[in-house]
């Protein structure tokens, strides 16, 4: 499942995100969603979330 729809993302689920610093390479970072930062129902580049580690990125994959 991709991370472009807000409805498919909930706090506590495991996701893979691209951090701002990794946008050029597309490197994925896995973690657990702490909170959702994007307010709109969908976003073409992925919903922005904060992971429990404190890192912020756009969801590319929902596990």
PDB file of N, CA and C in Angstrom:
ATOM      1  N   UNK A   1       0.858  -1.180   0.000  1.00  0.00           N
ATOM      2  CA  UNK A   1       0.000   0.000   0.000  1.00  0.00           C
ATOM      3  C   UNK A   1       0.902   1.242   0.000  1.00  0.00           C
ATOM      4  N   UNK A   2       0.550   2.224  -0.785  1.00  0.00           N
ATOM      5  CA  UNK A   2       1.369   3.443  -0.810  1.00  0.00           C
ATOM      6  C   UNK A   2       0.894   4.431   0.253  1.00  0.00           C
ATOM      7  N   UNK A   3       1.657   5.494   0.441  1.00  0.00           N
ATOM      8  CA  UNK A   3       1.370   6.449   1.501  1.00  0.00           C
ATOM      9  C   UNK A   3       0.771   7.750   1.019  1.00  0.00           C
ATOM     10  N   UNK A   4       0.035   7.727  -0.094  1.00  0.00           N
ATOM     11  CA  UNK A   4      -0.505   8.969  -0.641  1.00  0.00           C
ATOM     12  C   UNK A   4      -1.880   9.335  -0.086  1.00  0.00           C
ATOM     13  N   UNK A   5      -2.561   8.387   0.554  1.00  0.00           N
ATOM     14  CA  UNK A   5      -3.887   8.636   1.122  1.00  0.00           C
ATOM     15  C   UNK A   5      -3.795   8.675   2.646  1.00  0.00           C
ATOM     16  N   UNK A   6      -4.275   9.751   3.228  1.00  0.00           N
ATOM     17  CA  UNK A   6      -4.203   9.941   4.682  1.00  0.00           C
ATOM     18  C   UNK A   6      -4.999   8.878   5.435  1.00  0.00           C
ATOM     19  N   UNK A   7      -6.103   8.423   4.822  1.00  0.00           N
ATOM     20  CA  UNK A   7      -6.974   7.460   5.495  1.00  0.00           C
ATOM     21  C   UNK A   7      -6.274   6.119   5.763  1.00  0.00           C
ATOM     22  N   UNK A   8      -5.237   5.793   4.987  1.00  0.00           N
ATOM     23  CA  UNK A   8      -4.541   4.512   5.158  1.00  0.00           C
ATOM     24  C   UNK A   8      -3.424   4.578   6.199  1.00  0.00           C
ATOM     25  N   UNK A   9      -3.232   5.756   6.802  1.00  0.00           N
ATOM     26  CA  UNK A   9      -2.140   5.937   7.768  1.00  0.00           C
ATOM     27  C   UNK A   9      -2.707   6.298   9.135  1.00  0.00           C
ATOM     28  N   UNK A  10      -2.286   5.550  10.152  1.00  0.00           N
ATOM     29  CA  UNK A  10      -2.736   5.787  11.523  1.00  0.00           C
ATOM     30  C   UNK A  10      -1.524   5.755  12.446  1.00  0.00           C
ATOM     31  N   UNK A  11      -1.565   6.505  13.548  1.00  0.00           N
ATOM     32  CA  UNK A  11      -0.474   6.406  14.523  1.00  0.00           C
ATOM     33  C   UNK A  11      -0.329   4.967  15.020  1.00  0.00           C
ATOM     34  N   UNK A  12       0.917   4.516  15.145  1.00  0.00           N
ATOM     35  CA  UNK A  12       1.185   3.176  15.640  1.00  0.00           C
ATOM     36  C   UNK A  12       1.482   2.153  14.555  1.00  0.00           C
ATOM     37  N   UNK A  13       1.252   2.489  13.283  1.00  0.00           N
ATOM     38  CA  UNK A  13       1.546   1.520  12.220  1.00  0.00           C
ATOM     39  C   UNK A  13       2.979   1.701  11.724  1.00  0.00           C
ATOM     40  N   UNK A  14       3.518   0.625  11.167  1.00  0.00           N
ATOM     41  CA  UNK A  14       4.889   0.641  10.641  1.00  0.00           C
ATOM     42  C   UNK A  14       4.860   1.122   9.195  1.00  0.00           C
ATOM     43  N   UNK A  15       5.753   2.062   8.872  1.00  0.00           N
ATOM     44  CA  UNK A  15       5.813   2.629   7.531  1.00  0.00           C
ATOM     45  C   UNK A  15       7.273   2.791   7.101  1.00  0.00           C
ATOM     46  N   UNK A  16       7.457   3.047   5.817  1.00  0.00           N
ATOM     47  CA  UNK A  16       8.763   3.415   5.272  1.00  0.00           C
ATOM     48  C   UNK A  16       8.619   4.819   4.703  1.00  0.00           C
ATOM     49  N   UNK A  17       9.484   5.728   5.127  1.00  0.00           N
ATOM     50  CA  UNK A  17       9.404   7.124   4.702  1.00  0.00           C
ATOM     51  C   UNK A  17      10.698   7.548   4.026  1.00  0.00           C
ATOM     52  N   UNK A  18      10.603   8.624   3.238  1.00  0.00           N
ATOM     53  CA  UNK A  18      11.791   9.284   2.702  1.00  0.00           C
ATOM     54  C   UNK A  18      11.977  10.565   3.500  1.00  0.00           C
ATOM     55  N   UNK A  19      13.110  10.684   4.172  1.00  0.00           N
ATOM     56  CA  UNK A  19      13.426  11.889   4.931  1.00  0.00           C
ATOM     57  C   UNK A  19      13.831  13.000   3.974  1.00  0.00           C
ATOM     58  N   UNK A  20      13.722  14.247   4.411  1.00  0.00           N
ATOM     59  CA  UNK A  20      14.076  15.402   3.577  1.00  0.00           C
ATOM     60  C   UNK A  20      15.511  15.271   3.037  1.00  0.00           C
ATOM     61  N   UNK A  21      16.434  14.873   3.899  1.00  0.00           N
ATOM     62  CA  UNK A  21      17.841  14.762   3.492  1.00  0.00           C
ATOM     63  C   UNK A  21      18.081  13.646   2.485  1.00  0.00           C
ATOM     64  N   UNK A  22      17.148  12.683   2.401  1.00  0.00           N
ATOM     65  CA  UNK A  22      17.303  11.541   1.502  1.00  0.00           C
ATOM     66  C   UNK A  22      16.447  11.639   0.243  1.00  0.00           C
ATOM     67  N   UNK A  23      15.825  12.788  -0.009  1.00  0.00           N
ATOM     68  CA  UNK A  23      14.942  12.912  -1.162  1.00  0.00           C
ATOM     69  C   UNK A  23      15.686  12.714  -2.485  1.00  0.00           C
ATOM     70  N   UNK A  24      16.931  13.144  -2.559  1.00  0.00           N
ATOM     71  CA  UNK A  24      17.695  13.019  -3.803  1.00  0.00           C
ATOM     72  C   UNK A  24      17.997  11.554  -4.135  1.00  0.00           C
ATOM     73  N   UNK A  25      18.258  10.753  -3.106  1.00  0.00           N
ATOM     74  CA  UNK A  25      18.617   9.350  -3.324  1.00  0.00           C
ATOM     75  C   UNK A  25      17.401   8.434  -3.250  1.00  0.00           C
ATOM     76  N   UNK A  26      16.359   8.852  -2.543  1.00  0.00           N
ATOM     77  CA  UNK A  26      15.168   8.019  -2.378  1.00  0.00           C
ATOM     78  C   UNK A  26      15.330   6.951  -1.322  1.00  0.00           C
ATOM     79  N   UNK A  27      16.353   7.069  -0.471  1.00  0.00           N
ATOM     80  CA  UNK A  27      16.601   6.095   0.595  1.00  0.00           C
ATOM     81  C   UNK A  27      15.419   6.059   1.559  1.00  0.00           C
ATOM     82  N   UNK A  28      14.941   4.854   1.872  1.00  0.00           N
ATOM     83  CA  UNK A  28      13.802   4.699   2.768  1.00  0.00           C
ATOM     84  C   UNK A  28      14.263   4.462   4.200  1.00  0.00           C
ATOM     85  N   UNK A  29      13.512   5.036   5.140  1.00  0.00           N
ATOM     86  CA  UNK A  29      13.752   4.841   6.562  1.00  0.00           C
ATOM     87  C   UNK A  29      12.478   4.242   7.151  1.00  0.00           C
ATOM     88  N   UNK A  30      12.606   3.114   7.844  1.00  0.00           N
ATOM     89  CA  UNK A  30      11.437   2.477   8.435  1.00  0.00           C
ATOM     90  C   UNK A  30      11.241   2.943   9.866  1.00  0.00           C
ATOM     91  N   UNK A  31       9.977   2.995  10.271  1.00  0.00           N
ATOM     92  CA  UNK A  31       9.666   3.389  11.631  1.00  0.00           C
ATOM     93  C   UNK A  31       8.178   3.289  11.892  1.00  0.00           C
ATOM     94  N   UNK A  32       7.792   3.689  13.109  1.00  0.00           N
ATOM     95  CA  UNK A  32       6.397   3.644  13.542  1.00  0.00           C
ATOM     96  C   UNK A  32       5.874   5.073  13.615  1.00  0.00           C
ATOM     97  N   UNK A  33       4.684   5.294  13.060  1.00  0.00           N
ATOM     98  CA  UNK A  33       4.088   6.638  13.012  1.00  0.00           C
ATOM     99  C   UNK A  33       3.724   7.107  14.414  1.00  0.00           C
ATOM    100  N   UNK A  34       4.226   8.282  14.774  1.00  0.00           N
ATOM    101  CA  UNK A  34       3.855   8.919  16.037  1.00  0.00           C
ATOM    102  C   UNK A  34       2.683   9.866  15.810  1.00  0.00           C
ATOM    103  N   UNK A  35       2.796  10.703  14.749  1.00  0.00           N
ATOM    104  CA  UNK A  35       1.683  11.588  14.405  1.00  0.00           C
ATOM    105  C   UNK A  35       1.729  11.955  12.937  1.00  0.00           C
ATOM    106  N   UNK A  36       0.539  12.299  12.427  1.00  0.00           N
ATOM    107  CA  UNK A  36       0.386  12.671  11.023  1.00  0.00           C
ATOM    108  C   UNK A  36       0.463  14.188  10.922  1.00  0.00           C
ATOM    109  N   UNK A  37       1.307  14.690  10.018  1.00  0.00           N
ATOM    110  CA  UNK A  37       1.514  16.129   9.885  1.00  0.00           C
ATOM    111  C   UNK A  37       0.748  16.741   8.715  1.00  0.00           C
ATOM    112  N   UNK A  38       0.410  15.951   7.711  1.00  0.00           N
ATOM    113  CA  UNK A  38      -0.333  16.450   6.555  1.00  0.00           C
ATOM    114  C   UNK A  38      -1.813  16.516   6.898  1.00  0.00           C
ATOM    115  N   UNK A  39      -2.440  17.659   6.635  1.00  0.00           N
ATOM    116  CA  UNK A  39      -3.863  17.830   6.941  1.00  0.00           C
ATOM    117  C   UNK A  39      -4.778  17.400   5.806  1.00  0.00           C
ATOM    118  N   UNK A  40      -4.307  17.467   4.562  1.00  0.00           N
ATOM    119  CA  UNK A  40      -5.168  17.141   3.420  1.00  0.00           C
ATOM    120  C   UNK A  40      -5.395  15.624   3.338  1.00  0.00           C
ATOM    121  N   UNK A  41      -6.446  15.227   2.623  1.00  0.00           N
ATOM    122  CA  UNK A  41      -6.830  13.816   2.503  1.00  0.00           C
ATOM    123  C   UNK A  41      -5.809  13.002   1.713  1.00  0.00           C
ATOM    124  N   UNK A  42      -5.111  13.651   0.787  1.00  0.00           N
ATOM    125  CA  UNK A  42      -4.065  12.962   0.029  1.00  0.00           C
ATOM    126  C   UNK A  42      -2.984  13.947  -0.384  1.00  0.00           C
ATOM    127  N   UNK A  43      -1.848  13.397  -0.803  1.00  0.00           N
ATOM    128  CA  UNK A  43      -0.727  14.228  -1.232  1.00  0.00           C
ATOM    129  C   UNK A  43       0.057  13.437  -2.277  1.00  0.00           C
ATOM    130  N   UNK A  44       0.397  14.062  -3.414  1.00  0.00           N
ATOM    131  CA  UNK A  44       1.058  13.324  -4.495  1.00  0.00           C
ATOM    132  C   UNK A  44       2.435  12.765  -4.144  1.00  0.00           C
ATOM    133  N   UNK A  45       3.122  13.346  -3.171  1.00  0.00           N
ATOM    134  CA  UNK A  45       4.456  12.873  -2.793  1.00  0.00           C
ATOM    135  C   UNK A  45       4.436  12.011  -1.538  1.00  0.00           C
ATOM    136  N   UNK A  46       3.271  11.795  -0.963  1.00  0.00           N
ATOM    137  CA  UNK A  46       3.154  11.002   0.259  1.00  0.00           C
ATOM    138  C   UNK A  46       2.774  11.866   1.442  1.00  0.00           C
ATOM    139  N   UNK A  47       2.059  11.273   2.371  1.00  0.00           N
ATOM    140  CA  UNK A  47       1.623  11.969   3.583  1.00  0.00           C
ATOM    141  C   UNK A  47       2.830  12.175   4.497  1.00  0.00           C
ATOM    142  N   UNK A  48       2.985  13.384   5.017  1.00  0.00           N
ATOM    143  CA  UNK A  48       4.108  13.685   5.904  1.00  0.00           C
ATOM    144  C   UNK A  48       3.755  13.251   7.328  1.00  0.00           C
ATOM    145  N   UNK A  49       4.671  12.492   7.937  1.00  0.00           N
ATOM    146  CA  UNK A  49       4.461  11.988   9.286  1.00  0.00           C
ATOM    147  C   UNK A  49       5.713  12.198  10.136  1.00  0.00           C
ATOM    148  N   UNK A  50       5.502  12.163  11.441  1.00  0.00           N
ATOM    149  CA  UNK A  50       6.614  12.138  12.386  1.00  0.00           C
ATOM    150  C   UNK A  50       6.682  10.726  12.942  1.00  0.00           C
ATOM    151  N   UNK A  51       7.872  10.141  12.899  1.00  0.00           N
ATOM    152  CA  UNK A  51       8.064   8.801  13.438  1.00  0.00           C
ATOM    153  C   UNK A  51       8.318   8.879  14.937  1.00  0.00           C
ATOM    154  N   UNK A  52       8.195   7.749  15.624  1.00  0.00           N
ATOM    155  CA  UNK A  52       8.445   7.726  17.068  1.00  0.00           C
ATOM    156  C   UNK A  52       9.884   8.097  17.400  1.00  0.00           C
ATOM    157  N   UNK A  53      10.786   7.959  16.420  1.00  0.00           N
ATOM    158  CA  UNK A  53      12.190   8.343  16.606  1.00  0.00           C
ATOM    159  C   UNK A  53      12.370   9.860  16.556  1.00  0.00           C
ATOM    160  N   UNK A  54      11.300  10.581  16.117  1.00  0.00           N
ATOM    161  CA  UNK A  54      11.367  12.033  16.000  1.00  0.00           C
ATOM    162  C   UNK A  54      11.643  12.499  14.579  1.00  0.00           C
ATOM    163  N   UNK A  55      12.028  11.574  13.700  1.00  0.00           N
ATOM    164  CA  UNK A  55      12.312  11.931  12.312  1.00  0.00           C
ATOM    165  C   UNK A  55      11.014  12.226  11.561  1.00  0.00           C
ATOM    166  N   UNK A  56      11.107  13.141  10.583  1.00  0.00           N
ATOM    167  CA  UNK A  56       9.945  13.541   9.788  1.00  0.00           C
ATOM    168  C   UNK A  56      10.201  13.201   8.333  1.00  0.00           C
ATOM    169  N   UNK A  57       9.212  12.598   7.692  1.00  0.00           N
ATOM    170  CA  UNK A  57       9.366  12.251   6.291  1.00  0.00           C
ATOM    171  C   UNK A  57       8.024  11.980   5.635  1.00  0.00           C
ATOM    172  N   UNK A  58       8.066  11.725   4.334  1.00  0.00           N
ATOM    173  CA  UNK A  58       6.852  11.418   3.575  1.00  0.00           C
ATOM    174  C   UNK A  58       6.744   9.904   3.365  1.00  0.00           C
ATOM    175  N   UNK A  59       5.553   9.382   3.645  1.00  0.00           N
ATOM    176  CA  UNK A  59       5.319   7.942   3.582  1.00  0.00           C
ATOM    177  C   UNK A  59       5.365   7.451   2.141  1.00  0.00           C
ATOM    178  N   UNK A  60       6.185   6.460   1.882  1.00  0.00           N
ATOM    179  CA  UNK A  60       6.273   5.833   0.566  1.00  0.00           C
ATOM    180  C   UNK A  60       5.668   4.437   0.573  1.00  0.00           C
ATOM    181  N   UNK A  61       5.666   3.785   1.748  1.00  0.00           N
ATOM    182  CA  UNK A  61       5.123   2.429   1.844  1.00  0.00           C
ATOM    183  C   UNK A  61       4.536   2.207   3.229  1.00  0.00           C
ATOM    184  N   UNK A  62       3.371   1.552   3.265  1.00  0.00           N
ATOM    185  CA  UNK A  62       2.742   1.163   4.529  1.00  0.00           C
ATOM    186  C   UNK A  62       2.919  -0.340   4.666  1.00  0.00           C
ATOM    187  N   UNK A  63       3.524  -0.769   5.771  1.00  0.00           N
ATOM    188  CA  UNK A  63       3.781  -2.207   5.980  1.00  0.00           C
ATOM    189  C   UNK A  63       2.660  -2.888   6.720  1.00  0.00           C
TER     190      UNK A  63
END
